[in-house]
Amino acid sequence: MLAALFFYGCTRKPPAPEETETNSAQSASTPTPSPRTPFEQDVQYVRDGQFRYIMVFSRKDGGVFDKDDVDYLKANSPGQTNQWIKTDEGRRVIAGTNFEFTPENLDALRQRFNVEDYGSGK
C-alpha cells in the first residue's frame, strides 16, 4: 500500500482542460515576428502614417534613383504628396499621400518607372 501511495503521489497529474486551452490560446495569440527586409520596414513606416495612397517607384533598368529621376517623380505626382522615402539602397522610392494620382500622373510615371500600388483607397 505504501508503494502504491508513493507511486501515485510522485506522478505528475495531467493539466486541467482549462489550463490546456489557456496555454494553447496564449501560444496561438502570440505570433512569432518574422524578420522584415529594410524595404518592408519602410513600407510599413509609410503605412503607419495612415496615408490613403502608397505608391512604390523603381527605375525600369533596376538602377539607383538620381536627382533627375527624383525631380521627374515629384513633378509628375500630386503636389500634396508629403512623404517620400528612398529605400532598397536607392533603387526604390515610396510615396505616401492622401491625394489620388491622376491617370495623367500615372501615365507619365509609367513611361519612366515601374509603378506599384501598395495601398490605394484605404
C-alpha atoms as a PDB file:
ATOM      1  CA  MET A   1       0.000   0.000   0.000  1.00  0.00           C
ATOM      2  CA  LEU A   2       2.840   2.345   0.782  1.00  0.00           C
ATOM      3  CA  ALA A   3       4.334   1.584  -2.615  1.00  0.00           C
ATOM      4  CA  ALA A   4       1.034   2.463  -4.331  1.00  0.00           C
ATOM      5  CA  LEU A   5       0.788   5.782  -2.461  1.00  0.00           C
ATOM      6  CA  PHE A   6       4.397   6.544  -3.284  1.00  0.00           C
ATOM      7  CA  PHE A   7       3.894   5.695  -6.979  1.00  0.00           C
ATOM      8  CA  TYR A   8       0.712   7.714  -7.393  1.00  0.00           C
ATOM      9  CA  GLY A   9       1.964  10.559  -5.213  1.00  0.00           C
ATOM     10  CA  CYS A  10       5.077  11.087  -7.386  1.00  0.00           C
ATOM     11  CA  THR A  11       3.410  11.022 -10.774  1.00  0.00           C
ATOM     12  CA  ARG A  12       2.504  14.292 -12.335  1.00  0.00           C
ATOM     13  CA  LYS A  13      -1.188  14.906 -12.728  1.00  0.00           C
ATOM     14  CA  PRO A  14      -2.404  15.869 -16.209  1.00  0.00           C
ATOM     15  CA  PRO A  15      -3.289  19.545 -16.649  1.00  0.00           C
ATOM     16  CA  ALA A  16      -6.880  20.549 -16.250  1.00  0.00           C
ATOM     17  CA  PRO A  17      -8.679  21.142 -19.578  1.00  0.00           C
ATOM     18  CA  GLU A  18      -8.961  24.879 -18.927  1.00  0.00           C
ATOM     19  CA  GLU A  19      -5.178  25.092 -18.393  1.00  0.00           C
ATOM     20  CA  THR A  20      -4.548  23.371 -21.711  1.00  0.00           C
ATOM     21  CA  GLU A  21      -6.965  25.693 -23.521  1.00  0.00           C
ATOM     22  CA  THR A  22      -5.390  28.767 -21.901  1.00  0.00           C
ATOM     23  CA  ASN A  23      -1.878  27.709 -22.854  1.00  0.00           C
ATOM     24  CA  SER A  24      -2.955  26.910 -26.421  1.00  0.00           C
ATOM     25  CA  ALA A  25      -4.742  30.242 -26.745  1.00  0.00           C
ATOM     26  CA  GLN A  26      -1.682  32.096 -25.460  1.00  0.00           C
ATOM     27  CA  SER A  27       0.582  30.316 -27.933  1.00  0.00           C
ATOM     28  CA  ALA A  28      -1.769  30.952 -30.827  1.00  0.00           C
ATOM     29  CA  SER A  29      -2.272  34.638 -29.975  1.00  0.00           C
ATOM     30  CA  THR A  30       1.462  35.389 -29.756  1.00  0.00           C
ATOM     31  CA  PRO A  31       2.748  35.070 -33.308  1.00  0.00           C
ATOM     32  CA  THR A  32       6.450  34.890 -33.807  1.00  0.00           C
ATOM     33  CA  PRO A  33       7.515  38.034 -35.637  1.00  0.00           C
ATOM     34  CA  SER A  34       9.108  37.268 -38.944  1.00  0.00           C
ATOM     35  CA  PRO A  35      12.184  39.220 -39.944  1.00  0.00           C
ATOM     36  CA  ARG A  36      11.398  42.008 -42.392  1.00  0.00           C
ATOM     37  CA  THR A  37      13.592  43.470 -45.053  1.00  0.00           C
ATOM     38  CA  PRO A  38      14.519  47.157 -44.870  1.00  0.00           C
ATOM     39  CA  PHE A  39      12.150  47.763 -47.806  1.00  0.00           C
ATOM     40  CA  GLU A  40       9.244  46.081 -45.962  1.00  0.00           C
ATOM     41  CA  GLN A  41      10.053  48.123 -42.853  1.00  0.00           C
ATOM     42  CA  ASP A  42       9.978  51.337 -44.910  1.00  0.00           C
ATOM     43  CA  VAL A  43       6.615  50.406 -46.476  1.00  0.00           C
ATOM     44  CA  GLN A  44       5.253  49.707 -43.000  1.00  0.00           C
ATOM     45  CA  TYR A  45       6.558  53.074 -41.792  1.00  0.00           C
ATOM     46  CA  VAL A  46       4.590  54.814 -44.560  1.00  0.00           C
ATOM     47  CA  ARG A  47       1.518  52.681 -43.808  1.00  0.00           C
ATOM     48  CA  ASP A  48       1.766  53.711 -40.170  1.00  0.00           C
ATOM     49  CA  GLY A  49       1.416  57.301 -41.404  1.00  0.00           C
ATOM     50  CA  GLN A  50      -2.135  56.314 -42.425  1.00  0.00           C
ATOM     51  CA  PHE A  51      -1.823  57.585 -45.967  1.00  0.00           C
ATOM     52  CA  ARG A  52      -4.642  56.729 -48.303  1.00  0.00           C
ATOM     53  CA  TYR A  53      -2.306  56.125 -51.258  1.00  0.00           C
ATOM     54  CA  ILE A  54       1.069  54.411 -51.092  1.00  0.00           C
ATOM     55  CA  MET A  55       2.958  54.061 -54.347  1.00  0.00           C
ATOM     56  CA  VAL A  56       6.352  52.480 -54.927  1.00  0.00           C
ATOM     57  CA  PHE A  57       8.505  53.502 -57.879  1.00  0.00           C
ATOM     58  CA  SER A  58      11.585  51.831 -59.318  1.00  0.00           C
ATOM     59  CA  ARG A  59      13.648  52.504 -62.401  1.00  0.00           C
ATOM     60  CA  LYS A  60      12.935  50.175 -65.321  1.00  0.00           C
ATOM     61  CA  ASP A  61      16.624  49.287 -65.529  1.00  0.00           C
ATOM     62  CA  GLY A  62      16.769  48.490 -61.789  1.00  0.00           C
ATOM     63  CA  GLY A  63      19.261  51.302 -61.225  1.00  0.00           C
ATOM     64  CA  VAL A  64      19.607  53.783 -58.406  1.00  0.00           C
ATOM     65  CA  PHE A  65      17.475  56.938 -58.484  1.00  0.00           C
ATOM     66  CA  ASP A  66      19.447  60.041 -59.389  1.00  0.00           C
ATOM     67  CA  LYS A  67      18.478  63.708 -58.962  1.00  0.00           C
ATOM     68  CA  ASP A  68      16.794  63.845 -62.397  1.00  0.00           C
ATOM     69  CA  ASP A  69      14.693  60.774 -61.562  1.00  0.00           C
ATOM     70  CA  VAL A  70      13.566  62.282 -58.261  1.00  0.00           C
ATOM     71  CA  ASP A  71      12.752  65.622 -59.912  1.00  0.00           C
ATOM     72  CA  TYR A  72      10.702  63.848 -62.619  1.00  0.00           C
ATOM     73  CA  LEU A  73       8.936  61.749 -59.992  1.00  0.00           C
ATOM     74  CA  LYS A  74       7.942  64.771 -57.918  1.00  0.00           C
ATOM     75  CA  ALA A  75       6.952  66.848 -60.961  1.00  0.00           C
ATOM     76  CA  ASN A  76       4.534  64.123 -62.088  1.00  0.00           C
ATOM     77  CA  SER A  77       2.984  63.306 -58.703  1.00  0.00           C
ATOM     78  CA  PRO A  78       0.234  65.064 -56.766  1.00  0.00           C
ATOM     79  CA  GLY A  79       1.700  68.284 -55.389  1.00  0.00           C
ATOM     80  CA  GLN A  80       0.388  67.427 -51.940  1.00  0.00           C
ATOM     81  CA  THR A  81       2.442  64.221 -51.683  1.00  0.00           C
ATOM     82  CA  ASN A  82       4.113  64.783 -48.370  1.00  0.00           C
ATOM     83  CA  GLN A  83       6.080  61.626 -47.704  1.00  0.00           C
ATOM     84  CA  TRP A  84       8.916  60.386 -49.861  1.00  0.00           C
ATOM     85  CA  ILE A  85      11.268  57.629 -48.771  1.00  0.00           C
ATOM     86  CA  LYS A  86      14.175  56.428 -50.851  1.00  0.00           C
ATOM     87  CA  THR A  87      14.703  52.757 -49.974  1.00  0.00           C
ATOM     88  CA  ASP A  88      16.213  49.496 -51.190  1.00  0.00           C
ATOM     89  CA  GLU A  89      19.668  51.082 -51.445  1.00  0.00           C
ATOM     90  CA  GLY A  90      18.248  53.913 -53.560  1.00  0.00           C
ATOM     91  CA  ARG A  91      16.583  51.620 -56.103  1.00  0.00           C
ATOM     92  CA  ARG A  92      13.010  52.364 -54.985  1.00  0.00           C
ATOM     93  CA  VAL A  93      11.082  55.384 -53.807  1.00  0.00           C
ATOM     94  CA  ILE A  94       7.957  55.111 -51.669  1.00  0.00           C
ATOM     95  CA  ALA A  95       5.381  57.910 -51.859  1.00  0.00           C
ATOM     96  CA  GLY A  96       2.694  58.410 -49.238  1.00  0.00           C
ATOM     97  CA  THR A  97      -0.198  60.798 -49.850  1.00  0.00           C
ATOM     98  CA  ASN A  98      -3.881  61.284 -49.223  1.00  0.00           C
ATOM     99  CA  PHE A  99      -4.340  62.653 -52.737  1.00  0.00           C
ATOM    100  CA  GLU A 100      -5.039  60.442 -55.723  1.00  0.00           C
ATOM    101  CA  PHE A 101      -2.557  60.043 -58.549  1.00  0.00           C
ATOM    102  CA  THR A 102      -4.457  61.064 -61.694  1.00  0.00           C
ATOM    103  CA  PRO A 103      -4.379  58.870 -64.806  1.00  0.00           C
ATOM    104  CA  GLU A 104      -2.151  61.546 -66.380  1.00  0.00           C
ATOM    105  CA  ASN A 105       0.254  61.306 -63.412  1.00  0.00           C
ATOM    106  CA  LEU A 106       0.403  57.545 -63.668  1.00  0.00           C
ATOM    107  CA  ASP A 107       0.838  57.531 -67.459  1.00  0.00           C
ATOM    108  CA  ALA A 108       3.778  59.924 -67.229  1.00  0.00           C
ATOM    109  CA  LEU A 109       5.351  57.988 -64.363  1.00  0.00           C
ATOM    110  CA  ARG A 110       4.901  54.617 -66.074  1.00  0.00           C
ATOM    111  CA  GLN A 111       6.811  55.904 -69.107  1.00  0.00           C
ATOM    112  CA  ARG A 112       9.936  56.155 -66.968  1.00  0.00           C
ATOM    113  CA  PHE A 113       9.380  53.917 -63.909  1.00  0.00           C
ATOM    114  CA  ASN A 114       7.827  50.693 -62.707  1.00  0.00           C
ATOM    115  CA  VAL A 115       4.859  51.716 -60.552  1.00  0.00           C
ATOM    116  CA  GLU A 116       3.453  49.543 -57.770  1.00  0.00           C
ATOM    117  CA  ASP A 117       0.319  50.373 -55.766  1.00  0.00           C
ATOM    118  CA  TYR A 118       0.726  49.456 -52.097  1.00  0.00           C
ATOM    119  CA  GLY A 119      -2.416  50.920 -50.627  1.00  0.00           C
ATOM    120  CA  SER A 120      -4.837  52.861 -52.802  1.00  0.00           C
ATOM    121  CA  GLY A 121      -8.228  53.599 -51.425  1.00  0.00           C
ATOM    122  CA  LYS A 122      -7.589  52.839 -47.752  1.00  0.00           C
END
